[in-house]
């Protein structure tokens, strides 16, 4: 999958066809989108309005604005809503590129936060998610898909794109922290770090598990793919 820089036209694959998603559609009742170009762009200042539109008034969920792992917990809680929105905007405005945005046609429909592990202070607080080893890694902290496009396989495609994005920045390893669903139909707000199956489909493998429900999964990047 290609990551497209800037506002130019993308040459990525089309969204999954009706035939390729027929089985999943029958299971979930979701209707696949009409054929339209699928592309992924880094979150840049020029695309901030698209990210705002995707997250909506709730900031994706509960005023988070994808800042929960980037801030001390008390600061994140106090900033729910506008302050967290400003925090994410300041990162994007400064050229930080905190993640990637997936589009169906011109519509922003998916988000993946991926950055060097040290940018996520919450990981340092977590006993379960302490570093596996001294290897520098990039971490996937969040996956968000617009409601009409959920359960269509877009999470794994965003993960594939996240690996490519990280590779272009010189990453050697991309790491994720999905959650094992504790019920057949787990509410979406509890799945914001992704499901193991999506990571496996994107080529990740489990490397450690300190919790029954929280594996640590990695995808190593071949040297030739790094910029």
Protein backbone atom coordinates (compact mmCIF):
# COMPACT_ATOMS: atom_id res chain seq x y z
CA UNK A 1 0.00 0.00 0.00
CA UNK A 2 1.32 3.44 -0.88
CA UNK A 3 1.44 6.36 1.51
CA UNK A 4 0.77 9.53 -0.44
CA UNK A 5 2.45 12.74 0.58
CA UNK A 6 0.73 16.09 0.13
CA UNK A 7 -2.55 16.64 -1.66
CA UNK A 8 -1.80 14.85 -4.90
CA UNK A 9 -3.78 12.01 -6.33
CA UNK A 10 -3.14 8.59 -4.83
CA UNK A 11 -2.27 5.42 -6.70
CA UNK A 12 -3.27 3.04 -3.90
CA UNK A 13 -5.65 0.12 -4.20
CA UNK A 14 -9.41 0.52 -4.39
CA UNK A 15 -11.44 -0.32 -1.31
CA UNK A 16 -12.39 -4.01 -1.02
CA UNK A 17 -14.90 -5.12 -3.65
CA UNK A 18 -18.38 -6.40 -2.91
CA UNK A 19 -17.23 -9.93 -3.72
CA UNK A 20 -14.15 -9.83 -1.48
CA UNK A 21 -16.20 -8.62 1.46
CA UNK A 22 -19.34 -10.66 0.89
CA UNK A 23 -18.63 -13.14 3.68
CA UNK A 24 -17.81 -10.46 6.25
CA UNK A 25 -20.86 -8.43 5.21
CA UNK A 26 -23.12 -11.42 5.76
CA UNK A 27 -21.72 -11.84 9.28
CA UNK A 28 -21.94 -8.25 10.43
CA UNK A 29 -24.67 -6.71 8.34
CA UNK A 30 -22.27 -3.97 7.26
CA UNK A 31 -22.62 -2.73 3.72
CA UNK A 32 -19.36 -2.32 1.78
CA UNK A 33 -18.69 1.12 0.30
CA UNK A 34 -19.08 1.67 -3.40
CA UNK A 35 -15.92 1.34 -5.45
CA UNK A 36 -13.75 4.38 -4.79
CA UNK A 37 -10.02 5.01 -4.60
CA UNK A 38 -8.43 4.06 -1.29
CA UNK A 39 -5.49 6.19 -0.20
CA UNK A 40 -3.58 7.02 2.95
CA UNK A 41 -1.91 10.32 3.85
CA UNK A 42 0.18 11.41 6.84
CA UNK A 43 -1.56 13.84 9.19
CA UNK A 44 -0.09 17.16 8.06
CA UNK A 45 -1.27 20.75 8.66
CA UNK A 46 -2.97 20.72 5.25
CA UNK A 47 -5.06 17.74 6.36
CA UNK A 48 -6.01 18.91 9.84
CA UNK A 49 -9.54 19.79 8.73
CA UNK A 50 -9.98 16.22 7.49
CA UNK A 51 -8.85 14.81 10.83
CA UNK A 52 -11.25 17.13 12.67
CA UNK A 53 -14.08 16.01 10.41
CA UNK A 54 -13.24 12.34 11.01
CA UNK A 55 -13.07 12.70 14.81
CA UNK A 56 -16.16 14.90 15.00
CA UNK A 57 -17.42 16.76 18.07
CA UNK A 58 -16.51 13.87 20.38
CA UNK A 59 -12.86 13.92 19.35
CA UNK A 60 -13.21 10.30 18.18
CA UNK A 61 -14.37 9.18 21.65
CA UNK A 62 -15.11 11.04 24.86
CA UNK A 63 -13.05 14.12 24.03
CA UNK A 64 -9.87 12.09 23.68
CA UNK A 65 -8.50 13.51 20.42
CA UNK A 66 -5.97 10.66 20.48
CA UNK A 67 -4.07 12.25 23.36
CA UNK A 68 -4.67 9.69 26.12
CA UNK A 69 -1.28 7.97 25.71
CA UNK A 70 0.57 11.22 25.01
CA UNK A 71 -0.24 12.95 28.30
CA UNK A 72 -0.12 12.20 32.03
CA UNK A 73 -3.52 10.81 32.94
CA UNK A 74 -4.61 13.75 35.11
CA UNK A 75 -3.68 16.19 32.37
CA UNK A 76 -5.55 14.16 29.76
CA UNK A 77 -8.68 13.92 31.92
CA UNK A 78 -8.62 17.65 32.62
CA UNK A 79 -8.21 18.37 28.93
CA UNK A 80 -11.03 16.21 27.59
CA UNK A 81 -12.54 18.06 24.68
CA UNK A 82 -11.14 21.36 23.49
CA UNK A 83 -7.82 21.28 25.33
CA UNK A 84 -6.98 17.83 23.98
CA UNK A 85 -8.04 18.99 20.51
CA UNK A 86 -5.60 21.88 20.78
CA UNK A 87 -2.90 19.50 21.97
CA UNK A 88 -3.23 17.26 18.93
CA UNK A 89 -3.48 20.27 16.64
CA UNK A 90 -0.25 21.69 18.04
CA UNK A 91 1.57 18.46 17.17
CA UNK A 92 0.22 18.46 13.63
CA UNK A 93 0.83 22.21 13.15
CA UNK A 94 4.45 21.75 14.21
CA UNK A 95 4.94 19.10 11.52
CA UNK A 96 4.96 16.20 13.95
CA UNK A 97 2.86 13.83 11.77
CA UNK A 98 1.40 11.85 14.71
CA UNK A 99 -0.35 9.35 12.48
CA UNK A 100 -2.01 8.60 9.16
CA UNK A 101 -5.48 9.19 7.70
CA UNK A 102 -7.24 6.72 5.42
CA UNK A 103 -9.59 7.95 2.70
CA UNK A 104 -12.30 6.39 0.58
CA UNK A 105 -12.37 8.75 -2.34
CA UNK A 106 -12.09 12.17 -0.71
CA UNK A 107 -13.79 11.14 2.52
CA UNK A 108 -11.57 10.64 5.59
CA UNK A 109 -12.72 7.37 7.13
CA UNK A 110 -9.88 5.95 9.25
CA UNK A 111 -7.06 7.01 11.56
CA UNK A 112 -4.01 5.24 12.92
CA UNK A 113 -1.74 6.84 15.49
CA UNK A 114 1.84 5.62 15.03
CA UNK A 115 5.01 7.24 16.33
CA UNK A 116 8.23 6.42 18.20
CA UNK A 117 7.39 4.68 21.46
CA UNK A 118 8.94 7.43 23.59
CA UNK A 119 6.23 9.87 22.46
CA UNK A 120 3.64 7.89 24.42
CA UNK A 121 4.14 8.57 28.11
CA UNK A 122 1.38 6.11 29.06
CA UNK A 123 3.52 3.21 27.90
CA UNK A 124 6.12 4.10 30.51
CA UNK A 125 3.43 3.98 33.21
CA UNK A 126 2.15 0.57 32.17
CA UNK A 127 3.47 -2.53 33.92
CA UNK A 128 1.97 -4.75 31.22
CA UNK A 129 3.39 -2.78 28.29
CA UNK A 130 6.94 -2.18 29.49
CA UNK A 131 9.58 -2.56 26.72
CA UNK A 132 10.14 -6.09 25.48
CA UNK A 133 13.85 -5.46 24.93
CA UNK A 134 16.18 -2.53 24.14
CA UNK A 135 15.18 -2.45 20.45
CA UNK A 136 13.88 1.02 19.43
CA UNK A 137 10.30 0.64 18.23
CA UNK A 138 7.48 2.69 16.78
CA UNK A 139 4.16 2.12 18.54
CA UNK A 140 0.62 1.95 17.23
CA UNK A 141 -1.43 3.58 19.97
CA UNK A 142 -4.85 3.96 18.35
CA UNK A 143 -7.03 2.80 15.47
CA UNK A 144 -10.23 4.66 14.69
CA UNK A 145 -12.60 3.88 11.81
CA UNK A 146 -15.69 5.91 10.95
CA UNK A 147 -18.77 3.97 12.01
CA UNK A 148 -20.23 3.16 8.54
CA UNK A 149 -16.89 1.64 7.50
CA UNK A 150 -16.23 -0.59 10.50
CA UNK A 151 -15.87 -4.38 10.23
CA UNK A 152 -14.77 -4.11 6.60
CA UNK A 153 -11.09 -4.90 7.11
CA UNK A 154 -9.87 -1.30 7.11
CA UNK A 155 -7.98 -1.68 10.40
CA UNK A 156 -5.54 -4.17 8.92
CA UNK A 157 -5.07 -1.96 5.87
CA UNK A 158 -4.31 1.01 8.10
CA UNK A 159 -1.78 -1.11 9.98
CA UNK A 160 -0.07 -2.05 6.72
CA UNK A 161 0.10 1.64 5.85
CA UNK A 162 1.40 2.48 9.33
CA UNK A 163 4.31 0.09 8.82
CA UNK A 164 5.14 1.73 5.50
CA UNK A 165 4.90 5.20 7.05
CA UNK A 166 7.19 4.20 9.92
CA UNK A 167 9.64 2.53 7.54
CA UNK A 168 9.98 5.75 5.57
CA UNK A 169 11.04 7.43 8.78
CA UNK A 170 13.69 4.81 9.46
CA UNK A 171 11.82 2.56 11.90
CA UNK A 172 13.15 -0.97 12.35
CA UNK A 173 10.21 -2.39 14.30
CA UNK A 174 6.54 -1.40 14.64
CA UNK A 175 4.78 -2.58 17.77
CA UNK A 176 1.09 -2.82 18.66
CA UNK A 177 -0.91 -3.55 21.79
CA UNK A 178 -4.27 -4.98 20.72
CA UNK A 179 -6.88 -6.27 23.13
CA UNK A 180 -8.49 -9.70 23.11
CA UNK A 181 -12.25 -9.29 22.94
CA UNK A 182 -13.85 -10.49 26.19
CA UNK A 183 -17.25 -10.97 24.62
CA UNK A 184 -18.65 -11.86 21.20
CA UNK A 185 -19.69 -8.29 20.46
CA UNK A 186 -17.40 -6.04 22.44
CA UNK A 187 -18.31 -2.31 22.33
CA UNK A 188 -16.14 -0.37 19.87
CA UNK A 189 -14.82 2.14 22.46
CA UNK A 190 -12.97 -0.73 24.17
CA UNK A 191 -11.21 -1.74 20.96
CA UNK A 192 -9.31 1.44 20.15
CA UNK A 193 -5.92 -0.27 20.24
CA UNK A 194 -7.15 -2.83 17.72
CA UNK A 195 -7.78 -6.57 17.72
CA UNK A 196 -5.04 -9.21 17.39
CA UNK A 197 -6.58 -10.57 14.18
CA UNK A 198 -6.18 -7.22 12.41
CA UNK A 199 -2.52 -7.12 13.42
CA UNK A 200 -1.95 -10.69 12.25
CA UNK A 201 -3.49 -9.89 8.87
CA UNK A 202 -1.05 -6.98 8.59
CA UNK A 203 1.95 -9.26 9.22
CA UNK A 204 2.46 -8.70 12.95
CA UNK A 205 3.35 -11.53 15.31
CA UNK A 206 2.95 -11.86 19.05
CA UNK A 207 6.26 -11.52 20.91
CA UNK A 208 5.19 -11.27 24.56
CA UNK A 209 2.10 -11.39 26.73
CA UNK A 210 2.14 -10.17 30.32
CA UNK A 211 -1.65 -10.04 30.44
CA UNK A 212 -4.22 -12.59 29.33
CA UNK A 213 -6.00 -10.01 27.18
CA UNK A 214 -3.15 -7.75 26.03
CA UNK A 215 -0.53 -9.25 23.71
CA UNK A 216 2.42 -7.24 22.45
CA UNK A 217 2.75 -7.73 18.71
CA UNK A 218 5.53 -6.69 16.37
CA UNK A 219 6.32 -6.35 12.72
CA UNK A 220 9.97 -6.13 11.77
CA UNK A 221 10.90 -3.97 8.79
CA UNK A 222 13.41 -5.17 6.24
CA UNK A 223 16.39 -2.84 5.78
CA UNK A 224 15.57 -2.22 2.12
CA UNK A 225 12.21 -0.68 3.09
CA UNK A 226 13.70 1.91 5.43
CA UNK A 227 14.42 5.37 4.09
